[in-house]
Amino acid sequence: MVTVHYEGRLTDGTVFDSSYERGQPATFPSDRLIPGWVEILPMMSVGDEWEIVIPSELAYGPRGAGGSIPPNSTLIFKLELLDVANKG
């Protein structure tokens, strides 16, 4: 499980999701993360805040996600790692 604050944007600047806007961090099971987050999070330490660019093939690929992320979209995240449970 990871707890993060994040803002996800498309390359045109459109925000598609933001825990900051909700005013509450999000907790995700490790097996429910997009592949780009799976690659990046082990490099981060709790308290780090990074801006990361995730290519489509490490995000949602040709299927997109919901109505807010079109197919084959590169995603930009402001990602703040708050907690990691069961690390290691």
N, C-alpha and C. Protein backbone atom coordinates (compact mmCIF):
# COMPACT_ATOMS: atom_id res chain seq x y z
N MET A 1 0.85 -1.18 0.00
CA MET A 1 0.00 0.00 0.00
C MET A 1 0.89 1.24 0.00
N VAL A 2 0.51 2.19 -0.81
CA VAL A 2 1.21 3.47 -0.83
C VAL A 2 0.20 4.59 -0.61
N THR A 3 0.61 5.59 0.14
CA THR A 3 -0.22 6.77 0.34
C THR A 3 0.51 7.94 -0.29
N VAL A 4 -0.20 8.63 -1.16
CA VAL A 4 0.38 9.72 -1.93
C VAL A 4 -0.59 10.89 -2.03
N HIS A 5 -0.02 12.05 -2.25
CA HIS A 5 -0.78 13.19 -2.77
C HIS A 5 -0.32 13.29 -4.21
N TYR A 6 -1.24 13.56 -5.12
CA TYR A 6 -0.86 13.63 -6.53
C TYR A 6 -1.80 14.53 -7.32
N GLU A 7 -1.27 15.00 -8.42
CA GLU A 7 -2.08 15.68 -9.42
C GLU A 7 -1.67 15.08 -10.76
N GLY A 8 -2.64 14.60 -11.52
CA GLY A 8 -2.38 14.04 -12.83
C GLY A 8 -2.86 14.98 -13.92
N ARG A 9 -1.98 15.22 -14.91
CA ARG A 9 -2.32 16.12 -16.02
C ARG A 9 -2.02 15.44 -17.34
N LEU A 10 -2.77 15.87 -18.35
CA LEU A 10 -2.44 15.50 -19.72
C LEU A 10 -1.37 16.47 -20.20
N THR A 11 -0.75 16.18 -21.33
CA THR A 11 0.32 17.05 -21.83
C THR A 11 -0.17 18.43 -22.23
N ASP A 12 -1.49 18.59 -22.42
CA ASP A 12 -2.03 19.93 -22.72
C ASP A 12 -2.33 20.73 -21.45
N GLY A 13 -2.02 20.14 -20.28
CA GLY A 13 -2.22 20.83 -19.01
C GLY A 13 -3.54 20.52 -18.33
N THR A 14 -4.43 19.79 -18.99
CA THR A 14 -5.71 19.44 -18.39
C THR A 14 -5.50 18.51 -17.19
N VAL A 15 -6.01 18.92 -16.03
CA VAL A 15 -5.93 18.08 -14.83
C VAL A 15 -7.05 17.05 -14.90
N PHE A 16 -6.69 15.76 -14.83
CA PHE A 16 -7.71 14.72 -14.87
C PHE A 16 -8.01 14.13 -13.50
N ASP A 17 -7.12 14.34 -12.53
CA ASP A 17 -7.36 13.85 -11.18
C ASP A 17 -6.39 14.54 -10.23
N SER A 18 -6.86 14.80 -9.01
CA SER A 18 -6.01 15.47 -8.04
C SER A 18 -6.47 15.18 -6.62
N SER A 19 -5.60 14.54 -5.85
CA SER A 19 -5.90 14.35 -4.43
C SER A 19 -5.80 15.68 -3.70
N TYR A 20 -4.98 16.60 -4.23
CA TYR A 20 -4.86 17.93 -3.62
C TYR A 20 -6.21 18.65 -3.67
N GLU A 21 -6.90 18.56 -4.82
CA GLU A 21 -8.21 19.22 -4.95
C GLU A 21 -9.23 18.61 -4.00
N ARG A 22 -9.12 17.30 -3.75
CA ARG A 22 -10.04 16.64 -2.82
C ARG A 22 -9.68 16.95 -1.37
N GLY A 23 -8.45 17.44 -1.15
CA GLY A 23 -8.02 17.77 0.20
C GLY A 23 -7.68 16.56 1.05
N GLN A 24 -7.42 15.44 0.39
CA GLN A 24 -7.12 14.21 1.13
C GLN A 24 -6.19 13.33 0.30
N PRO A 25 -5.11 12.82 0.90
CA PRO A 25 -4.23 11.92 0.15
C PRO A 25 -4.98 10.65 -0.23
N ALA A 26 -4.40 9.94 -1.18
CA ALA A 26 -4.99 8.68 -1.66
C ALA A 26 -4.09 7.52 -1.28
N THR A 27 -4.71 6.40 -0.93
CA THR A 27 -3.98 5.17 -0.63
C THR A 27 -4.35 4.12 -1.66
N PHE A 28 -3.34 3.51 -2.26
CA PHE A 28 -3.54 2.50 -3.30
C PHE A 28 -2.83 1.21 -2.93
N PRO A 29 -3.45 0.06 -3.20
CA PRO A 29 -2.70 -1.19 -3.10
C PRO A 29 -1.64 -1.20 -4.19
N SER A 30 -0.50 -1.76 -3.90
CA SER A 30 0.61 -1.76 -4.86
C SER A 30 0.25 -2.44 -6.17
N ASP A 31 -0.65 -3.42 -6.13
CA ASP A 31 -1.02 -4.13 -7.36
C ASP A 31 -2.07 -3.40 -8.19
N ARG A 32 -2.45 -2.19 -7.78
CA ARG A 32 -3.43 -1.40 -8.53
C ARG A 32 -2.82 -0.14 -9.14
N LEU A 33 -1.51 -0.08 -9.18
CA LEU A 33 -0.82 1.10 -9.70
C LEU A 33 -0.52 0.93 -11.18
N ILE A 34 -0.47 2.05 -11.90
CA ILE A 34 -0.04 1.97 -13.30
C ILE A 34 1.45 1.60 -13.32
N PRO A 35 1.90 0.94 -14.39
CA PRO A 35 3.30 0.49 -14.45
C PRO A 35 4.32 1.61 -14.23
N GLY A 36 4.05 2.82 -14.69
CA GLY A 36 4.98 3.92 -14.49
C GLY A 36 5.19 4.25 -13.02
N TRP A 37 4.11 4.19 -12.24
CA TRP A 37 4.24 4.42 -10.80
C TRP A 37 5.01 3.27 -10.15
N VAL A 38 4.77 2.05 -10.61
CA VAL A 38 5.48 0.88 -10.06
C VAL A 38 6.99 1.04 -10.25
N GLU A 39 7.40 1.61 -11.38
CA GLU A 39 8.83 1.82 -11.64
C GLU A 39 9.40 2.97 -10.81
N ILE A 40 8.64 4.03 -10.62
CA ILE A 40 9.14 5.25 -9.97
C ILE A 40 9.13 5.17 -8.45
N LEU A 41 8.06 4.65 -7.87
CA LEU A 41 7.91 4.71 -6.41
C LEU A 41 9.07 4.09 -5.63
N PRO A 42 9.66 2.97 -6.06
CA PRO A 42 10.80 2.44 -5.29
C PRO A 42 12.01 3.37 -5.25
N MET A 43 12.08 4.31 -6.19
CA MET A 43 13.20 5.27 -6.21
C MET A 43 12.95 6.46 -5.28
N MET A 44 11.71 6.59 -4.80
CA MET A 44 11.36 7.73 -3.96
C MET A 44 11.48 7.36 -2.49
N SER A 45 11.73 8.37 -1.67
CA SER A 45 11.70 8.22 -0.22
C SER A 45 10.46 8.94 0.30
N VAL A 46 9.94 8.48 1.42
CA VAL A 46 8.80 9.15 2.03
C VAL A 46 9.17 10.62 2.23
N GLY A 47 8.27 11.50 1.81
CA GLY A 47 8.50 12.94 1.89
C GLY A 47 8.94 13.55 0.57
N ASP A 48 9.43 12.72 -0.37
CA ASP A 48 9.83 13.23 -1.68
C ASP A 48 8.61 13.72 -2.45
N GLU A 49 8.82 14.76 -3.23
CA GLU A 49 7.80 15.27 -4.14
C GLU A 49 8.45 15.44 -5.50
N TRP A 50 7.98 14.68 -6.49
CA TRP A 50 8.57 14.67 -7.82
C TRP A 50 7.52 15.03 -8.85
N GLU A 51 7.98 15.58 -9.96
CA GLU A 51 7.13 15.68 -11.15
C GLU A 51 7.65 14.64 -12.12
N ILE A 52 6.76 13.76 -12.55
CA ILE A 52 7.17 12.65 -13.41
C ILE A 52 6.33 12.64 -14.69
N VAL A 53 6.95 12.18 -15.76
CA VAL A 53 6.27 12.03 -17.04
C VAL A 53 6.18 10.54 -17.33
N ILE A 54 4.96 10.06 -17.53
CA ILE A 54 4.72 8.64 -17.76
C ILE A 54 4.26 8.46 -19.21
N PRO A 55 5.05 7.76 -20.03
CA PRO A 55 4.60 7.52 -21.41
C PRO A 55 3.38 6.60 -21.42
N SER A 56 2.62 6.71 -22.46
CA SER A 56 1.37 5.96 -22.60
C SER A 56 1.53 4.47 -22.28
N GLU A 57 2.61 3.87 -22.78
CA GLU A 57 2.77 2.42 -22.60
C GLU A 57 3.01 2.03 -21.14
N LEU A 58 3.35 2.99 -20.28
CA LEU A 58 3.50 2.73 -18.84
C LEU A 58 2.35 3.34 -18.05
N ALA A 59 1.31 3.79 -18.77
CA ALA A 59 0.12 4.37 -18.13
C ALA A 59 -1.08 3.50 -18.53
N TYR A 60 -1.99 4.06 -19.33
CA TYR A 60 -3.21 3.33 -19.69
C TYR A 60 -3.23 2.85 -21.13
N GLY A 61 -2.17 3.18 -21.90
CA GLY A 61 -2.02 2.66 -23.25
C GLY A 61 -3.19 2.97 -24.16
N PRO A 62 -3.48 2.06 -25.09
CA PRO A 62 -4.50 2.32 -26.10
C PRO A 62 -5.93 2.33 -25.56
N ARG A 63 -6.14 1.86 -24.33
CA ARG A 63 -7.51 1.85 -23.80
C ARG A 63 -7.90 3.17 -23.13
N GLY A 64 -6.90 3.98 -22.73
CA GLY A 64 -7.23 5.20 -21.99
C GLY A 64 -7.84 4.83 -20.65
N ALA A 65 -8.48 5.81 -20.00
CA ALA A 65 -9.12 5.54 -18.71
C ALA A 65 -10.32 6.46 -18.54
N GLY A 66 -11.46 5.85 -18.35
CA GLY A 66 -12.67 6.64 -18.17
C GLY A 66 -12.86 7.59 -19.34
N GLY A 67 -13.49 8.70 -19.09
CA GLY A 67 -13.66 9.69 -20.14
C GLY A 67 -12.60 10.77 -20.09
N SER A 68 -11.75 10.73 -19.06
CA SER A 68 -10.84 11.86 -18.87
C SER A 68 -9.43 11.64 -19.41
N ILE A 69 -9.05 10.39 -19.67
CA ILE A 69 -7.71 10.10 -20.21
C ILE A 69 -7.89 9.41 -21.56
N PRO A 70 -7.61 10.13 -22.64
CA PRO A 70 -7.77 9.53 -23.98
C PRO A 70 -6.76 8.41 -24.21
N PRO A 71 -7.06 7.53 -25.18
CA PRO A 71 -6.10 6.48 -25.53
C PRO A 71 -4.74 7.06 -25.89
N ASN A 72 -3.70 6.32 -25.58
CA ASN A 72 -2.31 6.65 -25.94
C ASN A 72 -1.83 8.00 -25.39
N SER A 73 -2.28 8.34 -24.19
CA SER A 73 -1.91 9.62 -23.57
C SER A 73 -0.66 9.50 -22.71
N THR A 74 0.28 10.42 -22.91
CA THR A 74 1.38 10.61 -21.98
C THR A 74 0.82 11.39 -20.80
N LEU A 75 1.18 11.00 -19.59
CA LEU A 75 0.65 11.63 -18.38
C LEU A 75 1.77 12.30 -17.59
N ILE A 76 1.43 13.40 -16.96
CA ILE A 76 2.37 14.14 -16.10
C ILE A 76 1.78 14.15 -14.69
N PHE A 77 2.57 13.72 -13.74
CA PHE A 77 2.11 13.68 -12.35
C PHE A 77 3.01 14.51 -11.46
N LYS A 78 2.39 15.27 -10.58
CA LYS A 78 3.06 15.79 -9.38
C LYS A 78 2.76 14.73 -8.33
N LEU A 79 3.78 14.10 -7.81
CA LEU A 79 3.62 12.94 -6.94
C LEU A 79 4.40 13.15 -5.66
N GLU A 80 3.70 13.11 -4.54
CA GLU A 80 4.31 13.26 -3.22
C GLU A 80 4.09 11.97 -2.44
N LEU A 81 5.18 11.28 -2.11
CA LEU A 81 5.08 10.01 -1.39
C LEU A 81 4.96 10.28 0.10
N LEU A 82 3.84 9.86 0.69
CA LEU A 82 3.58 10.12 2.11
C LEU A 82 3.85 8.91 2.99
N ASP A 83 3.57 7.70 2.48
CA ASP A 83 3.75 6.51 3.30
C ASP A 83 3.82 5.28 2.40
N VAL A 84 4.58 4.29 2.85
CA VAL A 84 4.65 2.99 2.18
C VAL A 84 4.45 1.94 3.26
N ALA A 85 3.44 1.10 3.09
CA ALA A 85 3.19 0.02 4.05
C ALA A 85 3.68 -1.29 3.45
N ASN A 86 4.18 -2.16 4.28
CA ASN A 86 4.67 -3.48 3.86
C ASN A 86 5.79 -3.38 2.84
N LYS A 87 6.64 -2.38 2.96
CA LYS A 87 7.77 -2.22 2.03
C LYS A 87 8.79 -3.32 2.29
N GLY A 88 9.30 -3.87 1.17
CA GLY A 88 10.35 -4.85 1.30
C GLY A 88 9.81 -6.22 1.14
